Amino acid sequence: MEQKKMSTGRRNQLKSLLLQIAETILEEEAQEAEKEKMKHMEENCPSLSVPGCMQELQDLCRKLHQQIDLVDDERYDTEVKVTKSNMEINDLKLKVQDLKGKFKKPVLKRVRMSADAMLAALLGSKHKVALDLRANLKQVKKEVKEEEKQTGDWRKNIEDKSGMDGRKKMFETEA
């Protein structure tokens, strides 16, 4: 089943036919919208007849003000309904995002905090925990070098030689 490619002339002809059909459909829709608009205006907005006397004009103004008030009430009610529905839509969107688990992670700022402050922030101010980082370290015994053992500590020698006892020891060791 080989499909033959369509020639460019045929393709352009079909494209122009589709555009003509779409144009006629759009014109018909515009005419229908205009008819509906005129029908609505005739039903809701009767033709205005301006009376000649002042009393009739005042009555007409009062009547128009009452109609304006009714329209404002309806407009306010619809605005409130729209805002409520928008809030519900946003709440539902957030719930859907939470259920999917795909949401934008906020960019975190680097905070310098000590370990004690971090524990206090996590556990609350009621728990006072001091974290001693050196408590769990392994104890290592320091090995004394052999040279230090032989020479000894110079501070001990000075303490031994200080005072009269130290002078006697100096003479006794030399003699």
N, C-alpha and C. Protein backbone atom coordinates (compact mmCIF):
# COMPACT_ATOMS: atom_id res chain seq x y z
N MET A 1 0.82 -1.17 0.00
CA MET A 1 0.00 0.00 0.00
C MET A 1 0.88 1.24 0.00
N GLU A 2 1.26 1.60 -1.10
CA GLU A 2 2.09 2.79 -1.24
C GLU A 2 1.21 4.02 -1.26
N GLN A 3 1.60 4.99 -0.49
CA GLN A 3 0.86 6.25 -0.49
C GLN A 3 1.59 7.22 -1.39
N LYS A 4 0.82 7.78 -2.31
CA LYS A 4 1.44 8.74 -3.23
C LYS A 4 1.44 10.10 -2.57
N LYS A 5 2.51 10.83 -2.77
CA LYS A 5 2.59 12.16 -2.20
C LYS A 5 1.71 13.10 -3.00
N MET A 6 1.11 14.04 -2.25
CA MET A 6 0.22 15.01 -2.87
C MET A 6 1.06 16.12 -3.50
N SER A 7 0.65 16.55 -4.69
CA SER A 7 1.40 17.61 -5.36
C SER A 7 1.15 18.93 -4.64
N THR A 8 2.07 19.85 -4.77
CA THR A 8 1.95 21.14 -4.09
C THR A 8 0.76 21.93 -4.59
N GLY A 9 0.44 21.83 -5.88
CA GLY A 9 -0.72 22.53 -6.43
C GLY A 9 -2.02 22.03 -5.81
N ARG A 10 -2.13 20.71 -5.67
CA ARG A 10 -3.32 20.11 -5.07
C ARG A 10 -3.43 20.49 -3.59
N ARG A 11 -2.28 20.47 -2.90
CA ARG A 11 -2.26 20.83 -1.49
C ARG A 11 -2.70 22.29 -1.29
N ASN A 12 -2.20 23.19 -2.12
CA ASN A 12 -2.57 24.61 -2.02
C ASN A 12 -4.06 24.81 -2.32
N GLN A 13 -4.59 24.06 -3.30
CA GLN A 13 -6.00 24.17 -3.65
C GLN A 13 -6.88 23.73 -2.48
N LEU A 14 -6.51 22.60 -1.82
CA LEU A 14 -7.28 22.12 -0.67
C LEU A 14 -7.20 23.10 0.50
N LYS A 15 -6.03 23.67 0.69
CA LYS A 15 -5.85 24.63 1.77
C LYS A 15 -6.72 25.86 1.55
N SER A 16 -6.80 26.35 0.31
CA SER A 16 -7.62 27.53 0.02
C SER A 16 -9.11 27.20 0.20
N LEU A 17 -9.52 25.98 -0.16
CA LEU A 17 -10.92 25.59 0.04
C LEU A 17 -11.27 25.54 1.53
N LEU A 18 -10.37 24.98 2.35
CA LEU A 18 -10.60 24.93 3.78
C LEU A 18 -10.71 26.34 4.38
N LEU A 19 -9.85 27.23 3.92
CA LEU A 19 -9.90 28.61 4.42
C LEU A 19 -11.21 29.30 4.03
N GLN A 20 -11.70 29.05 2.84
CA GLN A 20 -12.97 29.65 2.42
C GLN A 20 -14.13 29.12 3.27
N ILE A 21 -14.15 27.83 3.53
CA ILE A 21 -15.21 27.24 4.35
C ILE A 21 -15.16 27.82 5.77
N ALA A 22 -13.96 27.93 6.34
CA ALA A 22 -13.80 28.48 7.69
C ALA A 22 -14.26 29.93 7.73
N GLU A 23 -13.97 30.69 6.66
CA GLU A 23 -14.38 32.10 6.62
C GLU A 23 -15.90 32.22 6.62
N THR A 24 -16.60 31.39 5.85
CA THR A 24 -18.06 31.46 5.82
C THR A 24 -18.66 31.06 7.18
N ILE A 25 -18.06 30.06 7.82
CA ILE A 25 -18.56 29.64 9.13
C ILE A 25 -18.39 30.78 10.15
N LEU A 26 -17.24 31.47 10.11
CA LEU A 26 -17.01 32.58 11.03
C LEU A 26 -18.00 33.72 10.79
N GLU A 27 -18.30 34.00 9.52
CA GLU A 27 -19.27 35.06 9.21
C GLU A 27 -20.65 34.71 9.74
N GLU A 28 -21.05 33.45 9.58
CA GLU A 28 -22.36 33.02 10.09
C GLU A 28 -22.43 33.13 11.62
N GLU A 29 -21.35 32.75 12.31
CA GLU A 29 -21.33 32.86 13.77
C GLU A 29 -21.43 34.31 14.21
N ALA A 30 -20.75 35.21 13.50
CA ALA A 30 -20.80 36.63 13.84
C ALA A 30 -22.22 37.17 13.64
N GLN A 31 -22.90 36.76 12.57
CA GLN A 31 -24.27 37.21 12.34
C GLN A 31 -25.21 36.68 13.42
N GLU A 32 -25.03 35.43 13.84
CA GLU A 32 -25.87 34.87 14.90
C GLU A 32 -25.65 35.61 16.22
N ALA A 33 -24.41 35.94 16.52
CA ALA A 33 -24.11 36.68 17.75
C ALA A 33 -24.76 38.06 17.72
N GLU A 34 -24.73 38.71 16.57
CA GLU A 34 -25.36 40.03 16.42
C GLU A 34 -26.87 39.92 16.60
N LYS A 35 -27.49 38.88 16.03
CA LYS A 35 -28.94 38.69 16.19
C LYS A 35 -29.31 38.46 17.66
N GLU A 36 -28.51 37.64 18.36
CA GLU A 36 -28.78 37.39 19.77
C GLU A 36 -28.63 38.66 20.59
N LYS A 37 -27.66 39.47 20.27
CA LYS A 37 -27.44 40.73 20.97
C LYS A 37 -28.63 41.66 20.79
N MET A 38 -29.11 41.78 19.54
CA MET A 38 -30.26 42.65 19.26
C MET A 38 -31.51 42.12 19.98
N LYS A 39 -31.69 40.83 19.99
CA LYS A 39 -32.85 40.23 20.66
C LYS A 39 -32.81 40.52 22.16
N HIS A 40 -31.64 40.37 22.76
CA HIS A 40 -31.47 40.64 24.19
C HIS A 40 -31.74 42.11 24.49
N MET A 41 -31.24 43.01 23.66
CA MET A 41 -31.44 44.45 23.87
C MET A 41 -32.92 44.81 23.76
N GLU A 42 -33.64 44.20 22.82
CA GLU A 42 -35.07 44.50 22.67
C GLU A 42 -35.86 44.00 23.88
N GLU A 43 -35.47 42.84 24.43
CA GLU A 43 -36.19 42.29 25.57
C GLU A 43 -35.93 43.10 26.84
N ASN A 44 -34.67 43.42 27.10
CA ASN A 44 -34.29 44.04 28.37
C ASN A 44 -34.25 45.56 28.33
N CYS A 45 -34.09 46.16 27.18
CA CYS A 45 -33.97 47.61 27.08
C CYS A 45 -35.03 48.14 26.11
N PRO A 46 -36.18 48.53 26.60
CA PRO A 46 -37.20 49.06 25.70
C PRO A 46 -36.78 50.43 25.17
N SER A 47 -37.38 50.83 24.10
CA SER A 47 -37.02 52.12 23.50
C SER A 47 -37.41 53.24 24.45
N LEU A 48 -36.61 54.27 24.46
CA LEU A 48 -36.78 55.37 25.40
C LEU A 48 -37.67 56.44 24.78
N SER A 49 -38.73 56.76 25.48
CA SER A 49 -39.59 57.86 25.03
C SER A 49 -39.45 58.98 26.05
N VAL A 50 -38.99 60.13 25.62
CA VAL A 50 -38.74 61.25 26.52
C VAL A 50 -40.04 62.06 26.64
N PRO A 51 -40.60 62.12 27.84
CA PRO A 51 -41.82 62.91 28.02
C PRO A 51 -41.54 64.41 28.03
N GLY A 52 -42.56 65.19 27.83
CA GLY A 52 -42.39 66.64 27.72
C GLY A 52 -42.49 67.36 29.04
N CYS A 53 -43.19 66.81 30.00
CA CYS A 53 -43.40 67.56 31.23
C CYS A 53 -42.37 67.17 32.29
N MET A 54 -42.15 68.05 33.26
CA MET A 54 -41.11 67.87 34.26
C MET A 54 -41.44 66.71 35.20
N GLN A 55 -42.67 66.56 35.59
CA GLN A 55 -43.09 65.49 36.51
C GLN A 55 -42.84 64.12 35.89
N GLU A 56 -43.15 63.97 34.63
CA GLU A 56 -42.94 62.69 33.94
C GLU A 56 -41.44 62.38 33.82
N LEU A 57 -40.62 63.41 33.60
CA LEU A 57 -39.17 63.22 33.55
C LEU A 57 -38.64 62.73 34.90
N GLN A 58 -39.13 63.31 35.99
CA GLN A 58 -38.69 62.89 37.32
C GLN A 58 -39.11 61.44 37.59
N ASP A 59 -40.31 61.09 37.19
CA ASP A 59 -40.77 59.71 37.36
C ASP A 59 -39.90 58.74 36.55
N LEU A 60 -39.55 59.14 35.34
CA LEU A 60 -38.69 58.30 34.49
C LEU A 60 -37.32 58.13 35.13
N CYS A 61 -36.77 59.22 35.69
CA CYS A 61 -35.45 59.14 36.35
C CYS A 61 -35.51 58.20 37.55
N ARG A 62 -36.58 58.29 38.35
CA ARG A 62 -36.72 57.39 39.51
C ARG A 62 -36.78 55.94 39.05
N LYS A 63 -37.53 55.70 37.99
CA LYS A 63 -37.66 54.34 37.47
C LYS A 63 -36.31 53.82 36.98
N LEU A 64 -35.56 54.67 36.28
CA LEU A 64 -34.23 54.26 35.79
C LEU A 64 -33.28 54.00 36.97
N HIS A 65 -33.37 54.83 38.02
CA HIS A 65 -32.52 54.60 39.20
C HIS A 65 -32.84 53.27 39.87
N GLN A 66 -34.09 52.92 39.94
CA GLN A 66 -34.47 51.63 40.52
C GLN A 66 -33.90 50.47 39.69
N GLN A 67 -33.98 50.61 38.38
CA GLN A 67 -33.43 49.57 37.51
C GLN A 67 -31.91 49.47 37.66
N ILE A 68 -31.27 50.63 37.77
CA ILE A 68 -29.81 50.65 37.97
C ILE A 68 -29.45 49.95 39.28
N ASP A 69 -30.21 50.22 40.34
CA ASP A 69 -29.95 49.57 41.63
C ASP A 69 -30.09 48.05 41.52
N LEU A 70 -31.12 47.60 40.81
CA LEU A 70 -31.30 46.16 40.63
C LEU A 70 -30.12 45.54 39.88
N VAL A 71 -29.67 46.23 38.83
CA VAL A 71 -28.53 45.71 38.05
C VAL A 71 -27.27 45.69 38.90
N ASP A 72 -27.06 46.73 39.73
CA ASP A 72 -25.89 46.75 40.61
C ASP A 72 -25.93 45.61 41.62
N ASP A 73 -27.11 45.34 42.16
CA ASP A 73 -27.24 44.22 43.09
C ASP A 73 -26.88 42.90 42.42
N GLU A 74 -27.36 42.69 41.22
CA GLU A 74 -27.04 41.46 40.50
C GLU A 74 -25.54 41.37 40.19
N ARG A 75 -24.96 42.51 39.80
CA ARG A 75 -23.53 42.53 39.49
C ARG A 75 -22.71 42.18 40.73
N TYR A 76 -23.08 42.76 41.87
CA TYR A 76 -22.36 42.47 43.11
C TYR A 76 -22.47 40.99 43.47
N ASP A 77 -23.68 40.45 43.36
CA ASP A 77 -23.87 39.04 43.67
C ASP A 77 -23.02 38.14 42.77
N THR A 78 -23.00 38.46 41.49
CA THR A 78 -22.20 37.62 40.58
C THR A 78 -20.71 37.77 40.87
N GLU A 79 -20.26 38.98 41.24
CA GLU A 79 -18.84 39.16 41.58
C GLU A 79 -18.47 38.31 42.79
N VAL A 80 -19.34 38.30 43.80
CA VAL A 80 -19.07 37.51 45.00
C VAL A 80 -19.01 36.02 44.64
N LYS A 81 -19.94 35.58 43.81
CA LYS A 81 -19.94 34.16 43.41
C LYS A 81 -18.66 33.82 42.65
N VAL A 82 -18.24 34.74 41.77
CA VAL A 82 -17.03 34.48 40.98
C VAL A 82 -15.80 34.42 41.88
N THR A 83 -15.69 35.34 42.84
CA THR A 83 -14.51 35.32 43.73
C THR A 83 -14.50 34.05 44.58
N LYS A 84 -15.67 33.64 45.07
CA LYS A 84 -15.72 32.41 45.86
C LYS A 84 -15.32 31.20 45.02
N SER A 85 -15.82 31.14 43.80
CA SER A 85 -15.48 30.01 42.95
C SER A 85 -13.99 30.02 42.60
N ASN A 86 -13.41 31.22 42.39
CA ASN A 86 -11.97 31.30 42.11
C ASN A 86 -11.15 30.81 43.30
N MET A 87 -11.58 31.17 44.50
CA MET A 87 -10.87 30.70 45.69
C MET A 87 -10.96 29.18 45.82
N GLU A 88 -12.14 28.63 45.55
CA GLU A 88 -12.30 27.18 45.61
C GLU A 88 -11.44 26.49 44.56
N ILE A 89 -11.37 27.08 43.38
CA ILE A 89 -10.55 26.50 42.31
C ILE A 89 -9.09 26.49 42.72
N ASN A 90 -8.62 27.60 43.30
CA ASN A 90 -7.22 27.65 43.74
C ASN A 90 -6.95 26.63 44.84
N ASP A 91 -7.88 26.49 45.77
CA ASP A 91 -7.70 25.50 46.83
C ASP A 91 -7.63 24.08 46.26
N LEU A 92 -8.51 23.80 45.32
CA LEU A 92 -8.50 22.47 44.71
C LEU A 92 -7.22 22.23 43.92
N LYS A 93 -6.71 23.28 43.26
CA LYS A 93 -5.44 23.13 42.53
C LYS A 93 -4.31 22.78 43.49
N LEU A 94 -4.30 23.47 44.64
CA LEU A 94 -3.26 23.17 45.62
C LEU A 94 -3.38 21.74 46.15
N LYS A 95 -4.60 21.30 46.38
CA LYS A 95 -4.79 19.93 46.86
C LYS A 95 -4.32 18.92 45.83
N VAL A 96 -4.61 19.20 44.56
CA VAL A 96 -4.18 18.29 43.49
C VAL A 96 -2.65 18.24 43.43
N GLN A 97 -2.02 19.42 43.55
CA GLN A 97 -0.55 19.44 43.53
C GLN A 97 0.02 18.67 44.71
N ASP A 98 -0.60 18.81 45.87
CA ASP A 98 -0.13 18.07 47.04
C ASP A 98 -0.28 16.57 46.84
N LEU A 99 -1.39 16.17 46.24
CA LEU A 99 -1.60 14.74 46.01
C LEU A 99 -0.61 14.19 45.00
N LYS A 100 -0.30 14.98 43.98
CA LYS A 100 0.66 14.52 42.98
C LYS A 100 2.07 14.48 43.55
N GLY A 101 2.34 15.37 44.47
CA GLY A 101 3.66 15.43 45.06
C GLY A 101 4.65 16.21 44.20
N LYS A 102 4.16 16.84 43.18
CA LYS A 102 5.05 17.63 42.32
C LYS A 102 4.73 19.10 42.56
N PHE A 103 5.59 19.73 43.32
CA PHE A 103 5.44 21.16 43.54
C PHE A 103 6.82 21.79 43.60
N LYS A 104 6.84 23.08 43.41
CA LYS A 104 8.13 23.78 43.37
C LYS A 104 8.72 23.82 44.77
N LYS A 105 9.98 23.46 44.84
CA LYS A 105 10.66 23.53 46.12
C LYS A 105 11.20 24.95 46.28
N PRO A 106 10.98 25.56 47.41
CA PRO A 106 11.48 26.92 47.58
C PRO A 106 13.00 26.93 47.71
N VAL A 107 13.58 28.03 47.30
CA VAL A 107 15.03 28.19 47.40
C VAL A 107 15.35 28.46 48.86
N LEU A 108 16.22 27.64 49.42
CA LEU A 108 16.54 27.77 50.83
C LEU A 108 17.74 28.70 51.01
N LYS A 109 17.68 29.52 52.05
CA LYS A 109 18.79 30.41 52.35
C LYS A 109 19.70 29.73 53.36
N ARG A 110 20.98 29.97 53.24
CA ARG A 110 21.94 29.38 54.17
C ARG A 110 21.89 30.15 55.48
N VAL A 111 21.72 29.42 56.57
CA VAL A 111 21.64 30.04 57.89
C VAL A 111 22.75 29.47 58.74
N ARG A 112 23.51 30.35 59.35
CA ARG A 112 24.59 29.88 60.23
C ARG A 112 24.02 29.81 61.65
N MET A 113 24.06 28.62 62.19
CA MET A 113 23.45 28.41 63.49
C MET A 113 24.28 27.37 64.24
N SER A 114 24.46 27.60 65.51
CA SER A 114 25.22 26.63 66.29
C SER A 114 24.36 25.39 66.53
N ALA A 115 25.01 24.34 66.98
CA ALA A 115 24.28 23.09 67.23
C ALA A 115 23.28 23.27 68.36
N ASP A 116 23.66 24.02 69.40
CA ASP A 116 22.73 24.25 70.51
C ASP A 116 21.52 25.04 70.05
N ALA A 117 21.75 26.07 69.23
CA ALA A 117 20.63 26.88 68.74
C ALA A 117 19.73 26.06 67.83
N MET A 118 20.34 25.17 67.05
CA MET A 118 19.53 24.33 66.15
C MET A 118 18.65 23.37 66.95
N LEU A 119 19.22 22.75 67.98
CA LEU A 119 18.43 21.86 68.82
C LEU A 119 17.33 22.62 69.56
N ALA A 120 17.64 23.83 69.99
CA ALA A 120 16.63 24.63 70.68
C ALA A 120 15.51 24.99 69.72
N ALA A 121 15.85 25.26 68.46
CA ALA A 121 14.83 25.59 67.47
C ALA A 121 13.97 24.37 67.15
N LEU A 122 14.61 23.20 67.06
CA LEU A 122 13.85 21.99 66.74
C LEU A 122 13.01 21.50 67.90
N LEU A 123 13.58 21.51 69.10
CA LEU A 123 12.88 20.96 70.25
C LEU A 123 12.02 21.99 70.98
N GLY A 124 12.23 23.25 70.69
CA GLY A 124 11.47 24.29 71.36
C GLY A 124 12.25 24.85 72.53
N SER A 125 11.76 25.94 73.08
CA SER A 125 12.48 26.61 74.16
C SER A 125 12.33 25.88 75.49
N LYS A 126 11.39 24.94 75.59
CA LYS A 126 11.20 24.21 76.85
C LYS A 126 12.37 23.29 77.15
N HIS A 127 12.94 22.69 76.11
CA HIS A 127 14.02 21.73 76.30
C HIS A 127 15.35 22.44 76.18
N LYS A 128 16.09 22.42 77.27
CA LYS A 128 17.42 23.02 77.23
C LYS A 128 18.42 21.88 77.11
N VAL A 129 18.97 21.73 75.92
CA VAL A 129 19.90 20.64 75.67
C VAL A 129 21.24 21.24 75.30
N ALA A 130 22.27 20.87 76.03
CA ALA A 130 23.61 21.31 75.69
C ALA A 130 24.29 20.15 74.97
N LEU A 131 24.78 20.44 73.82
CA LEU A 131 25.38 19.39 73.01
C LEU A 131 26.89 19.44 73.18
N ASP A 132 27.45 18.40 73.79
CA ASP A 132 28.89 18.33 73.97
C ASP A 132 29.42 17.41 72.88
N LEU A 133 30.06 18.01 71.90
CA LEU A 133 30.53 17.24 70.76
C LEU A 133 31.73 16.36 71.12
N ARG A 134 32.46 16.71 72.18
CA ARG A 134 33.66 15.96 72.51
C ARG A 134 33.38 14.80 73.47
N ALA A 135 32.15 14.67 73.92
CA ALA A 135 31.83 13.66 74.93
C ALA A 135 31.99 12.24 74.39
N ASN A 136 31.65 12.04 73.12
CA ASN A 136 31.68 10.68 72.58
C ASN A 136 32.96 10.35 71.83
N LEU A 137 33.96 11.20 71.95
CA LEU A 137 35.21 10.92 71.25
C LEU A 137 36.02 9.87 72.00
N LYS A 138 36.82 9.14 71.26
CA LYS A 138 37.65 8.08 71.83
C LYS A 138 38.85 8.71 72.55
N GLN A 139 39.14 8.21 73.74
CA GLN A 139 40.25 8.73 74.51
C GLN A 139 41.56 8.09 74.03
N VAL A 140 42.56 8.91 73.77
CA VAL A 140 43.85 8.41 73.31
C VAL A 140 44.90 8.81 74.33
N LYS A 141 45.69 7.82 74.79
CA LYS A 141 46.74 8.12 75.76
C LYS A 141 47.97 8.60 75.01
N LYS A 142 48.53 9.66 75.56
CA LYS A 142 49.69 10.26 74.92
C LYS A 142 50.95 9.51 75.38
N GLU A 143 51.77 9.10 74.39
CA GLU A 143 53.01 8.39 74.73
C GLU A 143 54.11 9.42 74.95
N VAL A 144 54.84 9.23 76.01
CA VAL A 144 55.91 10.15 76.35
C VAL A 144 57.18 9.68 75.63
N LYS A 145 57.83 10.62 75.00
CA LYS A 145 59.05 10.26 74.27
C LYS A 145 60.17 9.92 75.26
N GLU A 146 61.11 9.10 74.81
CA GLU A 146 62.21 8.65 75.67
C GLU A 146 63.14 9.79 76.04
N GLU A 147 63.32 10.75 75.17
CA GLU A 147 64.22 11.87 75.46
C GLU A 147 63.70 12.68 76.64
N GLU A 148 62.39 12.89 76.66
CA GLU A 148 61.81 13.68 77.75
C GLU A 148 61.96 12.93 79.08
N LYS A 149 61.89 11.59 79.04
CA LYS A 149 62.05 10.82 80.27
C LYS A 149 63.46 11.00 80.84
N GLN A 150 64.46 11.01 79.98
CA GLN A 150 65.84 11.11 80.45
C GLN A 150 66.15 12.49 80.99
N THR A 151 65.79 13.50 80.27
CA THR A 151 66.15 14.85 80.70
C THR A 151 65.24 15.33 81.80
N GLY A 152 64.03 14.88 81.80
CA GLY A 152 63.09 15.33 82.82
C GLY A 152 62.54 16.70 82.46
N ASP A 153 61.70 17.17 83.33
CA ASP A 153 61.07 18.46 83.09
C ASP A 153 61.94 19.54 83.68
N TRP A 154 62.26 20.56 82.97
CA TRP A 154 63.16 21.62 83.44
C TRP A 154 62.53 22.39 84.59
N ARG A 155 61.18 22.42 84.63
CA ARG A 155 60.52 23.14 85.72
C ARG A 155 60.76 22.42 87.05
N LYS A 156 60.78 21.12 87.02
CA LYS A 156 61.03 20.38 88.26
C LYS A 156 62.45 20.63 88.76
N ASN A 157 63.40 20.72 87.84
CA ASN A 157 64.79 20.99 88.24
C ASN A 157 64.91 22.34 88.90
N ILE A 158 64.23 23.32 88.39
CA ILE A 158 64.32 24.66 88.97
C ILE A 158 63.70 24.67 90.34
N GLU A 159 62.54 23.98 90.50
CA GLU A 159 61.88 23.94 91.81
C GLU A 159 62.77 23.23 92.83
N ASP A 160 63.44 22.17 92.39
CA ASP A 160 64.32 21.43 93.32
C ASP A 160 65.51 22.27 93.74
N LYS A 161 66.02 23.09 92.83
CA LYS A 161 67.23 23.86 93.12
C LYS A 161 66.92 25.17 93.83
N SER A 162 65.64 25.54 93.87
CA SER A 162 65.31 26.82 94.49
C SER A 162 65.38 26.68 96.02
N GLY A 163 65.71 27.76 96.68
CA GLY A 163 65.77 27.78 98.15
C GLY A 163 67.06 27.15 98.66
N MET A 164 67.20 27.05 99.97
CA MET A 164 68.43 26.53 100.60
C MET A 164 68.58 25.04 100.37
N ASP A 165 67.45 24.33 100.32
CA ASP A 165 67.54 22.90 100.08
C ASP A 165 68.12 22.62 98.71
N GLY A 166 67.73 23.41 97.75
CA GLY A 166 68.22 23.22 96.40
C GLY A 166 69.70 23.47 96.30
N ARG A 167 70.24 24.44 97.06
CA ARG A 167 71.66 24.75 97.01
C ARG A 167 72.47 23.62 97.64
N LYS A 168 71.94 23.03 98.69
CA LYS A 168 72.64 21.91 99.31
C LYS A 168 72.72 20.74 98.33
N LYS A 169 71.60 20.52 97.63
CA LYS A 169 71.60 19.41 96.66
C LYS A 169 72.59 19.67 95.56
N MET A 170 72.70 20.93 95.09
CA MET A 170 73.67 21.24 94.05
C MET A 170 75.08 20.91 94.49
N PHE A 171 75.41 21.29 95.76
CA PHE A 171 76.77 21.04 96.25
C PHE A 171 76.99 19.57 96.50
N GLU A 172 75.96 18.89 96.94
CA GLU A 172 76.11 17.48 97.23
C GLU A 172 76.30 16.69 95.94
N THR A 173 75.63 17.04 94.89
CA THR A 173 75.77 16.31 93.66
C THR A 173 77.09 16.57 92.98
N GLU A 174 77.63 17.79 93.19
CA GLU A 174 78.90 18.14 92.54
C GLU A 174 80.06 17.51 93.30
N ALA A 175 79.96 17.40 94.57
CA ALA A 175 81.07 16.92 95.36
C ALA A 175 81.19 15.45 95.40
